[in-house]
Full PDB file with SEQRES, HELIX, SHEET, SSBOND, CRYST1, ORIGX, SCALE, CONECT and MASTER records, all heavy atoms in Angstrom:
SEQRES   1 A   30  LYS THR LEU TYR VAL SER LEU GLY MET LYS PRO LEU HIS          
SEQRES   2 A   30  VAL ARG ARG GLU ILE GLU ALA PHE ILE ALA ASP ARG LEU          
SEQRES   3 A   30  MET GLU ALA LEU                                              
HELIX    1 AA1 THR A    2  SER A    6  1                                   5    
HELIX    2 AA2 ALA A   23  ALA A   29  1                                   7    
CRYST1    1.000    1.000    1.000  90.00  90.00  90.00 P 1           1          
ORIGX1      1.000000  0.000000  0.000000        0.00000                         
ORIGX2      0.000000  1.000000  0.000000        0.00000                         
ORIGX3      0.000000  0.000000  1.000000        0.00000                         
SCALE1      1.000000  0.000000  0.000000        0.00000                         
SCALE2      0.000000  1.000000  0.000000        0.00000                         
SCALE3      0.000000  0.000000  1.000000        0.00000                         
ATOM      1  N   LYS A   1      69.789 114.392  86.364  1.00  0.00           N  
ATOM      2  CA  LYS A   1      70.789 115.432  86.632  1.00  0.00           C  
ATOM      3  C   LYS A   1      70.121 116.763  86.916  1.00  0.00           C  
ATOM      4  O   LYS A   1      70.435 117.450  87.902  1.00  0.00           O  
ATOM      5  CB  LYS A   1      71.735 115.576  85.433  1.00  0.00           C  
ATOM      6  CG  LYS A   1      72.732 114.456  85.243  1.00  0.00           C  
ATOM      7  CD  LYS A   1      73.608 114.744  84.024  1.00  0.00           C  
ATOM      8  CE  LYS A   1      74.584 113.626  83.763  1.00  0.00           C  
ATOM      9  NZ  LYS A   1      75.405 113.885  82.541  1.00  0.00           N  
ATOM     10  N   THR A   2      69.179 117.146  86.062  1.00  0.00           N  
ATOM     11  CA  THR A   2      68.480 118.417  86.225  1.00  0.00           C  
ATOM     12  C   THR A   2      67.715 118.461  87.541  1.00  0.00           C  
ATOM     13  O   THR A   2      67.733 119.470  88.264  1.00  0.00           O  
ATOM     14  CB  THR A   2      67.513 118.649  85.048  1.00  0.00           C  
ATOM     15  OG1 THR A   2      68.255 118.668  83.830  1.00  0.00           O  
ATOM     16  CG2 THR A   2      66.759 119.958  85.203  1.00  0.00           C  
ATOM     17  N   LEU A   3      67.054 117.355  87.869  1.00  0.00           N  
ATOM     18  CA  LEU A   3      66.271 117.283  89.094  1.00  0.00           C  
ATOM     19  C   LEU A   3      67.147 117.459  90.330  1.00  0.00           C  
ATOM     20  O   LEU A   3      66.859 118.287  91.205  1.00  0.00           O  
ATOM     21  CB  LEU A   3      65.536 115.942  89.156  1.00  0.00           C  
ATOM     22  CG  LEU A   3      64.907 115.590  90.502  1.00  0.00           C  
ATOM     23  CD1 LEU A   3      63.832 116.593  90.875  1.00  0.00           C  
ATOM     24  CD2 LEU A   3      64.341 114.184  90.479  1.00  0.00           C  
ATOM     25  N   TYR A   4      68.230 116.682  90.404  1.00  0.00           N  
ATOM     26  CA  TYR A   4      69.046 116.714  91.619  1.00  0.00           C  
ATOM     27  C   TYR A   4      69.792 118.043  91.762  1.00  0.00           C  
ATOM     28  O   TYR A   4      69.985 118.522  92.889  1.00  0.00           O  
ATOM     29  CB  TYR A   4      69.998 115.529  91.654  1.00  0.00           C  
ATOM     30  CG  TYR A   4      69.265 114.211  91.839  1.00  0.00           C  
ATOM     31  CD1 TYR A   4      69.262 113.237  90.844  1.00  0.00           C  
ATOM     32  CD2 TYR A   4      68.551 113.959  92.999  1.00  0.00           C  
ATOM     33  CE1 TYR A   4      68.578 112.047  91.002  1.00  0.00           C  
ATOM     34  CE2 TYR A   4      67.851 112.768  93.170  1.00  0.00           C  
ATOM     35  CZ  TYR A   4      67.874 111.817  92.167  1.00  0.00           C  
ATOM     36  OH  TYR A   4      67.177 110.638  92.329  1.00  0.00           O  
ATOM     37  N   VAL A   5      70.188 118.652  90.664  1.00  0.00           N  
ATOM     38  CA  VAL A   5      70.779 119.999  90.745  1.00  0.00           C  
ATOM     39  C   VAL A   5      69.768 120.976  91.329  1.00  0.00           C  
ATOM     40  O   VAL A   5      70.108 121.834  92.145  1.00  0.00           O  
ATOM     41  CB  VAL A   5      71.273 120.474  89.363  1.00  0.00           C  
ATOM     42  CG1 VAL A   5      71.578 121.971  89.373  1.00  0.00           C  
ATOM     43  CG2 VAL A   5      72.522 119.693  88.944  1.00  0.00           C  
ATOM     44  N   SER A   6      68.504 120.833  90.941  1.00  0.00           N  
ATOM     45  CA  SER A   6      67.469 121.738  91.454  1.00  0.00           C  
ATOM     46  C   SER A   6      67.256 121.560  92.955  1.00  0.00           C  
ATOM     47  O   SER A   6      66.732 122.450  93.614  1.00  0.00           O  
ATOM     48  CB  SER A   6      66.145 121.520  90.713  1.00  0.00           C  
ATOM     49  OG  SER A   6      65.465 120.365  91.169  1.00  0.00           O  
ATOM     50  N   LEU A   7      67.692 120.416  93.494  1.00  0.00           N  
ATOM     51  CA  LEU A   7      67.570 120.146  94.922  1.00  0.00           C  
ATOM     52  C   LEU A   7      68.833 120.528  95.686  1.00  0.00           C  
ATOM     53  O   LEU A   7      68.963 120.232  96.870  1.00  0.00           O  
ATOM     54  CB  LEU A   7      67.272 118.653  95.151  1.00  0.00           C  
ATOM     55  CG  LEU A   7      65.971 118.110  94.558  1.00  0.00           C  
ATOM     56  CD1 LEU A   7      65.886 116.607  94.768  1.00  0.00           C  
ATOM     57  CD2 LEU A   7      64.762 118.804  95.180  1.00  0.00           C  
ATOM     58  N   GLY A   8      69.773 121.170  95.000  1.00  0.00           N  
ATOM     59  CA  GLY A   8      71.006 121.590  95.642  1.00  0.00           C  
ATOM     60  C   GLY A   8      72.035 120.494  95.753  1.00  0.00           C  
ATOM     61  O   GLY A   8      72.889 120.529  96.649  1.00  0.00           O  
ATOM     62  N   MET A   9      72.005 119.516  94.832  1.00  0.00           N  
ATOM     63  CA  MET A   9      72.904 118.378  94.902  1.00  0.00           C  
ATOM     64  C   MET A   9      73.925 118.379  93.769  1.00  0.00           C  
ATOM     65  O   MET A   9      73.813 119.152  92.809  1.00  0.00           O  
ATOM     66  CB  MET A   9      72.103 117.067  94.898  1.00  0.00           C  
ATOM     67  CG  MET A   9      71.070 116.989  96.012  1.00  0.00           C  
ATOM     68  SD  MET A   9      70.214 115.409  96.157  1.00  0.00           S  
ATOM     69  CE  MET A   9      71.463 114.437  97.038  1.00  0.00           C  
ATOM     70  N   LYS A  10      74.922 117.524  93.893  1.00  0.00           N  
ATOM     71  CA  LYS A  10      75.979 117.367  92.899  1.00  0.00           C  
ATOM     72  C   LYS A  10      75.854 115.974  92.291  1.00  0.00           C  
ATOM     73  O   LYS A  10      76.344 114.991  92.838  1.00  0.00           O  
ATOM     74  CB  LYS A  10      77.355 117.539  93.555  1.00  0.00           C  
ATOM     75  CG  LYS A  10      78.542 117.204  92.652  1.00  0.00           C  
ATOM     76  CD  LYS A  10      78.700 118.187  91.522  1.00  0.00           C  
ATOM     77  CE  LYS A  10      79.984 117.871  90.732  1.00  0.00           C  
ATOM     78  NZ  LYS A  10      80.156 118.803  89.600  1.00  0.00           N  
ATOM     79  N   PRO A  11      75.182 115.840  91.142  1.00  0.00           N  
ATOM     80  CA  PRO A  11      75.073 114.521  90.510  1.00  0.00           C  
ATOM     81  C   PRO A  11      76.384 114.110  89.853  1.00  0.00           C  
ATOM     82  O   PRO A  11      77.013 114.905  89.153  1.00  0.00           O  
ATOM     83  CB  PRO A  11      73.964 114.723  89.471  1.00  0.00           C  
ATOM     84  CG  PRO A  11      73.924 116.188  89.203  1.00  0.00           C  
ATOM     85  CD  PRO A  11      74.412 116.873  90.441  1.00  0.00           C  
ATOM     86  N   LEU A  12      76.800 112.892  90.123  1.00  0.00           N  
ATOM     87  CA  LEU A  12      78.005 112.324  89.523  1.00  0.00           C  
ATOM     88  C   LEU A  12      77.585 111.127  88.687  1.00  0.00           C  
ATOM     89  O   LEU A  12      77.117 110.118  89.218  1.00  0.00           O  
ATOM     90  CB  LEU A  12      78.994 111.899  90.611  1.00  0.00           C  
ATOM     91  CG  LEU A  12      80.259 111.163  90.149  1.00  0.00           C  
ATOM     92  CD1 LEU A  12      81.107 112.053  89.252  1.00  0.00           C  
ATOM     93  CD2 LEU A  12      81.063 110.688  91.348  1.00  0.00           C  
ATOM     94  N   HIS A  13      77.728 111.240  87.360  1.00  0.00           N  
ATOM     95  CA  HIS A  13      77.293 110.175  86.467  1.00  0.00           C  
ATOM     96  C   HIS A  13      78.370 109.097  86.387  1.00  0.00           C  
ATOM     97  O   HIS A  13      79.461 109.333  85.863  1.00  0.00           O  
ATOM     98  CB  HIS A  13      77.016 110.744  85.068  1.00  0.00           C  
ATOM     99  CG  HIS A  13      76.484 109.725  84.104  1.00  0.00           C  
ATOM    100  ND1 HIS A  13      76.480 109.933  82.739  1.00  0.00           N  
ATOM    101  CD2 HIS A  13      75.959 108.483  84.292  1.00  0.00           C  
ATOM    102  CE1 HIS A  13      75.970 108.878  82.144  1.00  0.00           C  
ATOM    103  NE2 HIS A  13      75.643 107.987  83.071  1.00  0.00           N  
ATOM    104  N   VAL A  14      78.056 107.926  86.912  1.00  0.00           N  
ATOM    105  CA  VAL A  14      78.948 106.766  86.817  1.00  0.00           C  
ATOM    106  C   VAL A  14      78.640 106.101  85.485  1.00  0.00           C  
ATOM    107  O   VAL A  14      77.588 105.497  85.315  1.00  0.00           O  
ATOM    108  CB  VAL A  14      78.717 105.798  87.996  1.00  0.00           C  
ATOM    109  CG1 VAL A  14      79.709 104.625  87.915  1.00  0.00           C  
ATOM    110  CG2 VAL A  14      78.871 106.537  89.317  1.00  0.00           C  
ATOM    111  N   ARG A  15      79.560 106.223  84.544  1.00  0.00           N  
ATOM    112  CA  ARG A  15      79.243 105.872  83.153  1.00  0.00           C  
ATOM    113  C   ARG A  15      79.146 104.384  82.880  1.00  0.00           C  
ATOM    114  O   ARG A  15      78.564 103.980  81.883  1.00  0.00           O  
ATOM    115  CB  ARG A  15      80.282 106.508  82.231  1.00  0.00           C  
ATOM    116  CG  ARG A  15      80.194 108.034  82.186  1.00  0.00           C  
ATOM    117  CD  ARG A  15      81.184 108.614  81.212  1.00  0.00           C  
ATOM    118  NE  ARG A  15      82.560 108.336  81.581  1.00  0.00           N  
ATOM    119  CZ  ARG A  15      83.263 109.057  82.440  1.00  0.00           C  
ATOM    120  NH1 ARG A  15      82.694 110.101  83.022  1.00  0.00           N  
ATOM    121  NH2 ARG A  15      84.500 108.746  82.733  1.00  0.00           N  
ATOM    122  N   ARG A  16      79.729 103.541  83.758  1.00  0.00           N  
ATOM    123  CA  ARG A  16      79.636 102.097  83.578  1.00  0.00           C  
ATOM    124  C   ARG A  16      79.160 101.461  84.869  1.00  0.00           C  
ATOM    125  O   ARG A  16      79.556 101.867  85.958  1.00  0.00           O  
ATOM    126  CB  ARG A  16      81.005 101.503  83.189  1.00  0.00           C  
ATOM    127  CG  ARG A  16      81.455 101.900  81.796  1.00  0.00           C  
ATOM    128  CD  ARG A  16      82.871 101.393  81.536  1.00  0.00           C  
ATOM    129  NE  ARG A  16      82.997  99.961  81.730  1.00  0.00           N  
ATOM    130  CZ  ARG A  16      84.165  99.303  81.718  1.00  0.00           C  
ATOM    131  NH1 ARG A  16      85.297  99.972  81.547  1.00  0.00           N  
ATOM    132  NH2 ARG A  16      84.197  97.999  81.892  1.00  0.00           N  
ATOM    133  N   GLU A  17      78.325 100.442  84.733  1.00  0.00           N  
ATOM    134  CA  GLU A  17      77.852  99.728  85.907  1.00  0.00           C  
ATOM    135  C   GLU A  17      78.999  99.016  86.616  1.00  0.00           C  
ATOM    136  O   GLU A  17      79.800  98.331  85.990  1.00  0.00           O  
ATOM    137  CB  GLU A  17      76.818  98.682  85.508  1.00  0.00           C  
ATOM    138  CG  GLU A  17      75.433  99.215  85.248  1.00  0.00           C  
ATOM    139  CD  GLU A  17      74.437  98.089  85.022  1.00  0.00           C  
ATOM    140  OE1 GLU A  17      74.460  97.498  83.927  1.00  0.00           O  
ATOM    141  OE2 GLU A  17      73.652  97.797  85.932  1.00  0.00           O  
ATOM    142  N   ILE A  18      79.054  99.181  87.918  1.00  0.00           N  
ATOM    143  CA  ILE A  18      80.031  98.475  88.731  1.00  0.00           C  
ATOM    144  C   ILE A  18      79.470  98.393  90.144  1.00  0.00           C  
ATOM    145  O   ILE A  18      78.858  99.349  90.629  1.00  0.00           O  
ATOM    146  CB  ILE A  18      81.409  99.187  88.715  1.00  0.00           C  
ATOM    147  CG1 ILE A  18      82.441  98.379  89.501  1.00  0.00           C  
ATOM    148  CG2 ILE A  18      81.307 100.610  89.254  1.00  0.00           C  
ATOM    149  CD1 ILE A  18      83.859  98.921  89.354  1.00  0.00           C  
ATOM    150  N   GLU A  19      79.627  97.227  90.786  1.00  0.00           N  
ATOM    151  CA  GLU A  19      79.092  97.054  92.123  1.00  0.00           C  
ATOM    152  C   GLU A  19      79.654  98.103  93.079  1.00  0.00           C  
ATOM    153  O   GLU A  19      80.841  98.369  93.072  1.00  0.00           O  
ATOM    154  CB  GLU A  19      79.414  95.651  92.655  1.00  0.00           C  
ATOM    155  CG  GLU A  19      78.702  94.517  91.929  1.00  0.00           C  
ATOM    156  CD  GLU A  19      79.413  94.058  90.682  1.00  0.00           C  
ATOM    157  OE1 GLU A  19      80.398  94.713  90.282  1.00  0.00           O  
ATOM    158  OE2 GLU A  19      78.984  93.042  90.101  1.00  0.00           O  
ATOM    159  N   ALA A  20      78.783  98.689  93.885  1.00  0.00           N  
ATOM    160  CA  ALA A  20      79.134  99.682  94.907  1.00  0.00           C  
ATOM    161  C   ALA A  20      79.579 101.014  94.325  1.00  0.00           C  
ATOM    162  O   ALA A  20      79.957 101.922  95.072  1.00  0.00           O  
ATOM    163  CB  ALA A  20      80.191  99.153  95.875  1.00  0.00           C  
ATOM    164  N   PHE A  21      79.564 101.131  92.978  1.00  0.00           N  
ATOM    165  CA  PHE A  21      79.794 102.416  92.317  1.00  0.00           C  
ATOM    166  C   PHE A  21      81.174 102.993  92.649  1.00  0.00           C  
ATOM    167  O   PHE A  21      82.159 102.251  92.607  1.00  0.00           O  
ATOM    168  CB  PHE A  21      78.643 103.373  92.633  1.00  0.00           C  
ATOM    169  CG  PHE A  21      77.311 102.687  92.706  1.00  0.00           C  
ATOM    170  CD1 PHE A  21      76.452 102.852  93.791  1.00  0.00           C  
ATOM    171  CD2 PHE A  21      76.916 101.804  91.699  1.00  0.00           C  
ATOM    172  CE1 PHE A  21      75.239 102.181  93.868  1.00  0.00           C  
ATOM    173  CE2 PHE A  21      75.704 101.126  91.766  1.00  0.00           C  
ATOM    174  CZ  PHE A  21      74.880 101.323  92.851  1.00  0.00           C  
ATOM    175  N   ILE A  22      81.294 104.279  92.957  1.00  0.00           N  
ATOM    176  CA  ILE A  22      82.616 104.876  93.164  1.00  0.00           C  
ATOM    177  C   ILE A  22      82.896 105.124  94.644  1.00  0.00           C  
ATOM    178  O   ILE A  22      83.825 104.565  95.224  1.00  0.00           O  
ATOM    179  CB  ILE A  22      82.743 106.206  92.382  1.00  0.00           C  
ATOM    180  CG1 ILE A  22      82.644 105.948  90.872  1.00  0.00           C  
ATOM    181  CG2 ILE A  22      84.072 106.889  92.719  1.00  0.00           C  
ATOM    182  CD1 ILE A  22      82.605 107.206  90.035  1.00  0.00           C  
ATOM    183  N   ALA A  23      82.104 105.959  95.281  1.00  0.00           N  
ATOM    184  CA  ALA A  23      82.395 106.386  96.647  1.00  0.00           C  
ATOM    185  C   ALA A  23      82.373 105.225  97.630  1.00  0.00           C  
ATOM    186  O   ALA A  23      83.240 105.125  98.503  1.00  0.00           O  
ATOM    187  CB  ALA A  23      81.423 107.470  97.082  1.00  0.00           C  
ATOM    188  N   ASP A  24      81.403 104.327  97.499  1.00  0.00           N  
ATOM    189  CA  ASP A  24      81.336 103.215  98.444  1.00  0.00           C  
ATOM    190  C   ASP A  24      82.516 102.263  98.281  1.00  0.00           C  
ATOM    191  O   ASP A  24      82.972 101.666  99.261  1.00  0.00           O  
ATOM    192  CB  ASP A  24      80.016 102.450  98.275  1.00  0.00           C  
ATOM    193  CG  ASP A  24      78.898 103.049  99.106  1.00  0.00           C  
ATOM    194  OD1 ASP A  24      79.142 104.077  99.766  1.00  0.00           O  
ATOM    195  OD2 ASP A  24      77.781 102.497  99.099  1.00  0.00           O  
ATOM    196  N   ARG A  25      83.004 102.104  97.055  1.00  0.00           N  
ATOM    197  CA  ARG A  25      84.177 101.244  96.870  1.00  0.00           C  
ATOM    198  C   ARG A  25      85.386 101.831  97.597  1.00  0.00           C  
ATOM    199  O   ARG A  25      86.184 101.109  98.193  1.00  0.00           O  
ATOM    200  CB  ARG A  25      84.483 101.079  95.373  1.00  0.00           C  
ATOM    201  CG  ARG A  25      83.404 100.303  94.637  1.00  0.00           C  
ATOM    202  CD  ARG A  25      83.707 100.217  93.150  1.00  0.00           C  
ATOM    203  NE  ARG A  25      84.751  99.253  92.880  1.00  0.00           N  
ATOM    204  CZ  ARG A  25      84.540  97.960  92.609  1.00  0.00           C  
ATOM    205  NH1 ARG A  25      83.308  97.484  92.604  1.00  0.00           N  
ATOM    206  NH2 ARG A  25      85.541  97.149  92.347  1.00  0.00           N  
ATOM    207  N   LEU A  26      85.512 103.152  97.553  1.00  0.00           N  
ATOM    208  CA  LEU A  26      86.615 103.803  98.260  1.00  0.00           C  
ATOM    209  C   LEU A  26      86.436 103.680  99.771  1.00  0.00           C  
ATOM    210  O   LEU A  26      87.394 103.388 100.504  1.00  0.00           O  
ATOM    211  CB  LEU A  26      86.684 105.278  97.857  1.00  0.00           C  
ATOM    212  CG  LEU A  26      86.970 105.545  96.373  1.00  0.00           C  
ATOM    213  CD1 LEU A  26      86.844 107.030  96.072  1.00  0.00           C  
ATOM    214  CD2 LEU A  26      88.360 105.039  95.988  1.00  0.00           C  
ATOM    215  N   MET A  27      85.218 103.889 100.252  1.00  0.00           N  
ATOM    216  CA  MET A  27      84.966 103.794 101.687  1.00  0.00           C  
ATOM    217  C   MET A  27      85.136 102.374 102.199  1.00  0.00           C  
ATOM    218  O   MET A  27      85.634 102.149 103.311  1.00  0.00           O  
ATOM    219  CB  MET A  27      83.567 104.316 102.009  1.00  0.00           C  
ATOM    220  CG  MET A  27      83.432 105.824 101.837  1.00  0.00           C  
ATOM    221  SD  MET A  27      81.870 106.493 102.477  1.00  0.00           S  
ATOM    222  CE  MET A  27      80.703 105.796 101.328  1.00  0.00           C  
ATOM    223  N   GLU A  28      84.745 101.383 101.380  1.00  0.00           N  
ATOM    224  CA  GLU A  28      84.894  99.987 101.781  1.00  0.00           C  
ATOM    225  C   GLU A  28      86.363  99.609 101.927  1.00  0.00           C  
ATOM    226  O   GLU A  28      86.729  98.823 102.810  1.00  0.00           O  
ATOM    227  CB  GLU A  28      84.210  99.073 100.771  1.00  0.00           C  
ATOM    228  CG  GLU A  28      82.703  99.047 100.867  1.00  0.00           C  
ATOM    229  CD  GLU A  28      82.198  98.421 102.150  1.00  0.00           C  
ATOM    230  OE1 GLU A  28      82.835  97.474 102.649  1.00  0.00           O  
ATOM    231  OE2 GLU A  28      81.171  98.903 102.674  1.00  0.00           O  
ATOM    232  N   ALA A  29      87.214 100.157 101.060  1.00  0.00           N  
ATOM    233  CA  ALA A  29      88.647  99.868 101.162  1.00  0.00           C  
ATOM    234  C   ALA A  29      89.188 100.362 102.505  1.00  0.00           C  
ATOM    235  O   ALA A  29      89.918  99.647 103.205  1.00  0.00           O  
ATOM    236  CB  ALA A  29      89.400 100.526 100.010  1.00  0.00           C  
ATOM    237  N   LEU A  30      88.835 101.568 102.888  1.00  0.00           N  
ATOM    238  CA  LEU A  30      89.279 102.113 104.167  1.00  0.00           C  
ATOM    239  C   LEU A  30      88.673 101.317 105.327  1.00  0.00           C  
ATOM    240  O   LEU A  30      89.342 101.048 106.333  1.00  0.00           O  
ATOM    241  CB  LEU A  30      88.895 103.582 104.252  1.00  0.00           C  
ATOM    242  CG  LEU A  30      89.466 104.385 105.427  1.00  0.00           C  
ATOM    243  CD1 LEU A  30      89.649 105.840 105.021  1.00  0.00           C  
ATOM    244  CD2 LEU A  30      88.586 104.301 106.665  1.00  0.00           C  
TER     245      LEU A  30                                                      
MASTER        0    0    0    2    0    0    0    6  244    1    0    3          
END                                                                             
């Protein structure tokens, strides 16, 4: 988290393992 913030990014912690995580699951549906 600290590293990616220092690179100007927005880390999103996915608290449980799930295939394709969050954003890709939404994009795959569309």
